[in-house]
Amino acid sequence: MSVRNAVRSVVLPFAVVLTALAAGAGGAHAQQRQDASHEATAIATTLAVADLEKAFWICDYVATTGAVATLDAVLCHAVYDRLKAERFGGDFERLLAWWRANKVAEHRKLDALASDVP
């Protein structure tokens, strides 16, 4: 079972959108990538801060444990940008301190989730 499928139960709307974007991504041209970037930004804008945090940790976990597809990266970047702005007032150092303080625990949660899914 892929990590993407495992995390669906954590942030279902985010995972569904991520999967849909990735499915439509194969061989995207410049205009398609630009459209995907606008769509990713629009999606990230609709997420509540708590969901942005969950999505951020999913992105961080997937980036740490395996390859992130191009559109996954586009959506993850949009999530990161919005989380930094909304939760940390645009302050990268505050976001970095939060990430350092929470990464191990958040990755353990996702490890457990991924291993529990058949």
N, C-alpha and C. Protein backbone atom coordinates (compact mmCIF):
# COMPACT_ATOMS: atom_id res chain seq x y z
N MET A 1 0.85 -1.18 0.00
CA MET A 1 0.00 0.00 0.00
C MET A 1 0.89 1.23 0.00
N SER A 2 0.61 2.18 -0.87
CA SER A 2 1.44 3.38 -0.97
C SER A 2 1.14 4.32 0.19
N VAL A 3 2.09 5.17 0.48
CA VAL A 3 1.91 6.17 1.52
C VAL A 3 0.73 7.06 1.16
N ARG A 4 0.61 7.42 -0.11
CA ARG A 4 -0.49 8.28 -0.54
C ARG A 4 -1.83 7.65 -0.17
N ASN A 5 -1.97 6.35 -0.41
CA ASN A 5 -3.22 5.70 -0.05
C ASN A 5 -3.40 5.63 1.46
N ALA A 6 -2.31 5.42 2.17
CA ALA A 6 -2.40 5.32 3.63
C ALA A 6 -2.84 6.63 4.26
N VAL A 7 -2.40 7.73 3.73
CA VAL A 7 -2.72 9.00 4.35
C VAL A 7 -4.10 9.52 3.97
N ARG A 8 -4.77 8.87 3.06
CA ARG A 8 -6.12 9.32 2.70
C ARG A 8 -7.02 9.42 3.91
N SER A 9 -6.84 8.53 4.87
CA SER A 9 -7.70 8.59 6.05
C SER A 9 -7.34 9.75 6.96
N VAL A 10 -6.17 10.36 6.76
CA VAL A 10 -5.78 11.50 7.57
C VAL A 10 -6.35 12.79 7.00
N VAL A 11 -6.16 13.01 5.71
CA VAL A 11 -6.64 14.23 5.06
C VAL A 11 -7.24 13.82 3.72
N LEU A 12 -8.43 13.26 3.77
CA LEU A 12 -9.07 12.73 2.57
C LEU A 12 -9.17 13.75 1.44
N PRO A 13 -9.64 14.97 1.67
CA PRO A 13 -9.74 15.90 0.54
C PRO A 13 -8.38 16.19 -0.09
N PHE A 14 -7.37 16.37 0.72
CA PHE A 14 -6.04 16.64 0.19
C PHE A 14 -5.53 15.45 -0.62
N ALA A 15 -5.67 14.25 -0.09
CA ALA A 15 -5.17 13.06 -0.78
C ALA A 15 -5.91 12.82 -2.09
N VAL A 16 -7.19 13.04 -2.10
CA VAL A 16 -7.97 12.85 -3.32
C VAL A 16 -7.51 13.84 -4.39
N VAL A 17 -7.33 15.08 -4.00
CA VAL A 17 -6.87 16.10 -4.95
C VAL A 17 -5.47 15.76 -5.43
N LEU A 18 -4.60 15.36 -4.54
CA LEU A 18 -3.24 14.99 -4.89
C LEU A 18 -3.24 13.85 -5.90
N THR A 19 -4.05 12.85 -5.66
CA THR A 19 -4.14 11.71 -6.57
C THR A 19 -4.70 12.15 -7.94
N ALA A 20 -5.73 12.99 -7.93
CA ALA A 20 -6.32 13.45 -9.18
C ALA A 20 -5.33 14.28 -9.98
N LEU A 21 -4.59 15.15 -9.31
CA LEU A 21 -3.59 15.95 -10.01
C LEU A 21 -2.49 15.06 -10.58
N ALA A 22 -2.04 14.11 -9.80
CA ALA A 22 -0.97 13.23 -10.26
C ALA A 22 -1.43 12.38 -11.44
N ALA A 23 -2.67 11.94 -11.42
CA ALA A 23 -3.19 11.11 -12.51
C ALA A 23 -3.24 11.89 -13.82
N GLY A 24 -3.53 13.16 -13.75
CA GLY A 24 -3.61 13.97 -14.94
C GLY A 24 -2.29 14.60 -15.35
N ALA A 25 -1.21 14.25 -14.66
CA ALA A 25 0.05 14.96 -14.85
C ALA A 25 0.94 14.43 -15.93
N GLY A 26 0.80 13.18 -16.31
CA GLY A 26 1.77 12.56 -17.20
C GLY A 26 2.16 13.42 -18.37
N GLY A 27 3.43 13.78 -18.47
CA GLY A 27 3.95 14.54 -19.59
C GLY A 27 3.35 15.93 -19.73
N ALA A 28 3.07 16.58 -18.63
CA ALA A 28 2.47 17.90 -18.69
C ALA A 28 3.39 18.89 -19.38
N HIS A 29 2.80 19.74 -20.20
CA HIS A 29 3.53 20.80 -20.88
C HIS A 29 3.53 22.05 -20.01
N ALA A 30 4.22 23.10 -20.46
CA ALA A 30 4.35 24.32 -19.67
C ALA A 30 3.00 24.89 -19.26
N GLN A 31 2.05 24.96 -20.19
CA GLN A 31 0.73 25.52 -19.86
C GLN A 31 0.01 24.63 -18.85
N GLN A 32 0.12 23.33 -19.01
CA GLN A 32 -0.51 22.41 -18.06
C GLN A 32 0.11 22.55 -16.68
N ARG A 33 1.44 22.72 -16.64
CA ARG A 33 2.11 22.89 -15.34
C ARG A 33 1.67 24.20 -14.70
N GLN A 34 1.53 25.26 -15.50
CA GLN A 34 1.07 26.54 -14.97
C GLN A 34 -0.36 26.41 -14.45
N ASP A 35 -1.21 25.73 -15.20
CA ASP A 35 -2.58 25.49 -14.75
C ASP A 35 -2.58 24.69 -13.45
N ALA A 36 -1.73 23.68 -13.37
CA ALA A 36 -1.64 22.87 -12.16
C ALA A 36 -1.19 23.71 -10.97
N SER A 37 -0.26 24.61 -11.21
CA SER A 37 0.21 25.48 -10.15
C SER A 37 -0.91 26.39 -9.64
N HIS A 38 -1.70 26.94 -10.56
CA HIS A 38 -2.83 27.78 -10.15
C HIS A 38 -3.87 26.95 -9.40
N GLU A 39 -4.10 25.74 -9.89
CA GLU A 39 -5.08 24.86 -9.23
C GLU A 39 -4.59 24.48 -7.83
N ALA A 40 -3.30 24.16 -7.72
CA ALA A 40 -2.73 23.79 -6.42
C ALA A 40 -2.86 24.94 -5.43
N THR A 41 -2.58 26.15 -5.88
CA THR A 41 -2.70 27.32 -5.02
C THR A 41 -4.14 27.51 -4.59
N ALA A 42 -5.07 27.34 -5.51
CA ALA A 42 -6.49 27.46 -5.18
C ALA A 42 -6.91 26.41 -4.16
N ILE A 43 -6.42 25.20 -4.32
CA ILE A 43 -6.74 24.12 -3.38
C ILE A 43 -6.19 24.44 -2.00
N ALA A 44 -4.93 24.84 -1.93
CA ALA A 44 -4.31 25.16 -0.65
C ALA A 44 -5.05 26.29 0.04
N THR A 45 -5.58 27.23 -0.73
CA THR A 45 -6.30 28.36 -0.17
C THR A 45 -7.60 27.91 0.51
N THR A 46 -8.16 26.81 0.08
CA THR A 46 -9.43 26.35 0.66
C THR A 46 -9.24 25.55 1.95
N LEU A 47 -8.02 25.12 2.25
CA LEU A 47 -7.80 24.27 3.42
C LEU A 47 -7.70 25.10 4.70
N ALA A 48 -8.31 24.60 5.76
CA ALA A 48 -8.17 25.20 7.08
C ALA A 48 -6.73 24.98 7.55
N VAL A 49 -6.28 25.79 8.49
CA VAL A 49 -4.90 25.69 8.98
C VAL A 49 -4.60 24.29 9.50
N ALA A 50 -5.53 23.67 10.20
CA ALA A 50 -5.30 22.31 10.72
C ALA A 50 -5.08 21.33 9.57
N ASP A 51 -5.83 21.48 8.49
CA ASP A 51 -5.65 20.61 7.33
C ASP A 51 -4.36 20.95 6.59
N LEU A 52 -3.99 22.22 6.57
CA LEU A 52 -2.70 22.60 5.98
C LEU A 52 -1.56 21.92 6.72
N GLU A 53 -1.66 21.89 8.04
CA GLU A 53 -0.61 21.23 8.84
C GLU A 53 -0.54 19.75 8.50
N LYS A 54 -1.69 19.09 8.43
CA LYS A 54 -1.71 17.67 8.09
C LYS A 54 -1.13 17.44 6.70
N ALA A 55 -1.55 18.28 5.76
CA ALA A 55 -1.05 18.16 4.39
C ALA A 55 0.46 18.41 4.34
N PHE A 56 0.92 19.39 5.11
CA PHE A 56 2.35 19.68 5.18
C PHE A 56 3.12 18.45 5.64
N TRP A 57 2.63 17.80 6.70
CA TRP A 57 3.35 16.63 7.23
C TRP A 57 3.32 15.47 6.24
N ILE A 58 2.22 15.32 5.53
CA ILE A 58 2.17 14.29 4.49
C ILE A 58 3.21 14.58 3.43
N CYS A 59 3.27 15.81 2.98
CA CYS A 59 4.27 16.19 1.97
C CYS A 59 5.69 15.95 2.48
N ASP A 60 5.94 16.37 3.72
CA ASP A 60 7.27 16.21 4.29
C ASP A 60 7.63 14.73 4.39
N TYR A 61 6.68 13.93 4.84
CA TYR A 61 6.91 12.49 4.99
C TYR A 61 7.18 11.84 3.63
N VAL A 62 6.36 12.15 2.64
CA VAL A 62 6.53 11.55 1.32
C VAL A 62 7.85 12.00 0.71
N ALA A 63 8.20 13.27 0.87
CA ALA A 63 9.46 13.77 0.33
C ALA A 63 10.65 13.12 1.01
N THR A 64 10.51 12.79 2.28
CA THR A 64 11.59 12.17 3.04
C THR A 64 11.72 10.69 2.75
N THR A 65 10.60 10.02 2.50
CA THR A 65 10.62 8.56 2.36
C THR A 65 10.55 8.07 0.93
N GLY A 66 10.29 8.96 -0.01
CA GLY A 66 10.19 8.53 -1.41
C GLY A 66 10.07 9.71 -2.34
N ALA A 67 10.01 9.43 -3.60
CA ALA A 67 9.94 10.49 -4.62
C ALA A 67 8.59 11.17 -4.59
N VAL A 68 8.61 12.45 -4.83
CA VAL A 68 7.39 13.23 -4.95
C VAL A 68 7.22 13.58 -6.42
N ALA A 69 6.12 13.19 -7.00
CA ALA A 69 5.85 13.51 -8.41
C ALA A 69 5.78 15.02 -8.60
N THR A 70 5.94 15.46 -9.82
CA THR A 70 5.97 16.89 -10.12
C THR A 70 4.75 17.61 -9.57
N LEU A 71 3.55 17.11 -9.83
CA LEU A 71 2.37 17.81 -9.35
C LEU A 71 2.19 17.64 -7.86
N ASP A 72 2.66 16.54 -7.31
CA ASP A 72 2.66 16.42 -5.85
C ASP A 72 3.50 17.56 -5.29
N ALA A 73 4.66 17.81 -5.89
CA ALA A 73 5.54 18.88 -5.44
C ALA A 73 4.88 20.24 -5.59
N VAL A 74 4.14 20.44 -6.67
CA VAL A 74 3.45 21.72 -6.89
C VAL A 74 2.43 21.93 -5.79
N LEU A 75 1.63 20.92 -5.49
CA LEU A 75 0.62 21.05 -4.45
C LEU A 75 1.28 21.20 -3.08
N CYS A 76 2.33 20.44 -2.83
CA CYS A 76 3.03 20.54 -1.55
C CYS A 76 3.64 21.93 -1.37
N HIS A 77 4.15 22.49 -2.43
CA HIS A 77 4.73 23.84 -2.33
C HIS A 77 3.64 24.86 -2.01
N ALA A 78 2.49 24.72 -2.63
CA ALA A 78 1.37 25.62 -2.34
C ALA A 78 0.92 25.48 -0.89
N VAL A 79 0.89 24.25 -0.39
CA VAL A 79 0.53 24.01 1.01
C VAL A 79 1.55 24.67 1.93
N TYR A 80 2.83 24.47 1.63
CA TYR A 80 3.90 25.06 2.43
C TYR A 80 3.77 26.59 2.46
N ASP A 81 3.59 27.20 1.30
CA ASP A 81 3.48 28.66 1.23
C ASP A 81 2.32 29.17 2.08
N ARG A 82 1.18 28.52 1.96
CA ARG A 82 0.01 28.98 2.70
C ARG A 82 0.16 28.73 4.19
N LEU A 83 0.71 27.57 4.57
CA LEU A 83 0.92 27.29 5.99
C LEU A 83 1.88 28.31 6.60
N LYS A 84 2.97 28.59 5.90
CA LYS A 84 3.94 29.58 6.40
C LYS A 84 3.25 30.93 6.59
N ALA A 85 2.42 31.34 5.65
CA ALA A 85 1.74 32.63 5.76
C ALA A 85 0.68 32.63 6.86
N GLU A 86 -0.15 31.58 6.91
CA GLU A 86 -1.29 31.55 7.82
C GLU A 86 -0.91 31.26 9.27
N ARG A 87 -0.03 30.29 9.48
CA ARG A 87 0.28 29.87 10.84
C ARG A 87 1.49 30.59 11.42
N PHE A 88 2.40 31.01 10.55
CA PHE A 88 3.65 31.58 11.03
C PHE A 88 3.88 33.01 10.57
N GLY A 89 2.85 33.64 10.04
CA GLY A 89 2.96 35.03 9.61
C GLY A 89 4.06 35.27 8.59
N GLY A 90 4.36 34.25 7.78
CA GLY A 90 5.40 34.37 6.76
C GLY A 90 6.81 34.17 7.29
N ASP A 91 6.95 33.87 8.56
CA ASP A 91 8.26 33.75 9.21
C ASP A 91 8.83 32.34 9.03
N PHE A 92 9.81 32.22 8.14
CA PHE A 92 10.42 30.92 7.86
C PHE A 92 11.08 30.33 9.10
N GLU A 93 11.75 31.16 9.89
CA GLU A 93 12.46 30.66 11.08
C GLU A 93 11.49 30.04 12.09
N ARG A 94 10.31 30.64 12.26
CA ARG A 94 9.31 30.06 13.15
C ARG A 94 8.81 28.73 12.61
N LEU A 95 8.56 28.67 11.29
CA LEU A 95 8.14 27.42 10.67
C LEU A 95 9.21 26.36 10.84
N LEU A 96 10.45 26.73 10.63
CA LEU A 96 11.56 25.79 10.76
C LEU A 96 11.68 25.25 12.18
N ALA A 97 11.54 26.12 13.18
CA ALA A 97 11.59 25.68 14.58
C ALA A 97 10.46 24.71 14.89
N TRP A 98 9.25 25.01 14.39
CA TRP A 98 8.10 24.13 14.57
C TRP A 98 8.34 22.79 13.90
N TRP A 99 8.87 22.83 12.67
CA TRP A 99 9.17 21.60 11.93
C TRP A 99 10.17 20.74 12.70
N ARG A 100 11.24 21.36 13.18
CA ARG A 100 12.25 20.61 13.94
C ARG A 100 11.67 19.99 15.20
N ALA A 101 10.82 20.73 15.89
CA ALA A 101 10.24 20.25 17.15
C ALA A 101 9.23 19.13 16.94
N ASN A 102 8.62 19.05 15.78
CA ASN A 102 7.51 18.11 15.57
C ASN A 102 7.77 17.01 14.55
N LYS A 103 8.83 17.09 13.78
CA LYS A 103 9.05 16.16 12.67
C LYS A 103 9.06 14.70 13.10
N VAL A 104 9.81 14.37 14.11
CA VAL A 104 9.92 12.96 14.52
C VAL A 104 8.56 12.40 14.90
N ALA A 105 7.81 13.12 15.72
CA ALA A 105 6.50 12.63 16.16
C ALA A 105 5.53 12.52 14.99
N GLU A 106 5.52 13.50 14.11
CA GLU A 106 4.61 13.47 12.97
C GLU A 106 4.95 12.34 12.00
N HIS A 107 6.23 12.13 11.77
CA HIS A 107 6.64 11.03 10.88
C HIS A 107 6.32 9.68 11.51
N ARG A 108 6.45 9.57 12.81
CA ARG A 108 6.08 8.31 13.48
C ARG A 108 4.60 8.02 13.30
N LYS A 109 3.77 9.05 13.41
CA LYS A 109 2.32 8.87 13.20
C LYS A 109 2.05 8.35 11.79
N LEU A 110 2.71 8.94 10.81
CA LEU A 110 2.49 8.52 9.43
C LEU A 110 3.09 7.15 9.15
N ASP A 111 4.22 6.83 9.79
CA ASP A 111 4.78 5.47 9.68
C ASP A 111 3.78 4.45 10.20
N ALA A 112 3.20 4.74 11.36
CA ALA A 112 2.23 3.82 11.96
C ALA A 112 1.00 3.70 11.06
N LEU A 113 0.53 4.81 10.55
CA LEU A 113 -0.63 4.78 9.65
C LEU A 113 -0.32 3.97 8.41
N ALA A 114 0.85 4.19 7.82
CA ALA A 114 1.21 3.47 6.59
C ALA A 114 1.36 1.97 6.85
N SER A 115 1.86 1.59 8.02
CA SER A 115 2.04 0.18 8.30
C SER A 115 0.74 -0.51 8.70
N ASP A 116 -0.25 0.25 9.14
CA ASP A 116 -1.54 -0.32 9.56
C ASP A 116 -2.48 -0.57 8.39
N VAL A 117 -2.20 0.01 7.23
CA VAL A 117 -3.09 -0.14 6.09
C VAL A 117 -2.68 -1.37 5.31
N PRO A 118 -3.66 -2.27 5.05
CA PRO A 118 -3.31 -3.50 4.31
C PRO A 118 -2.88 -3.22 2.88
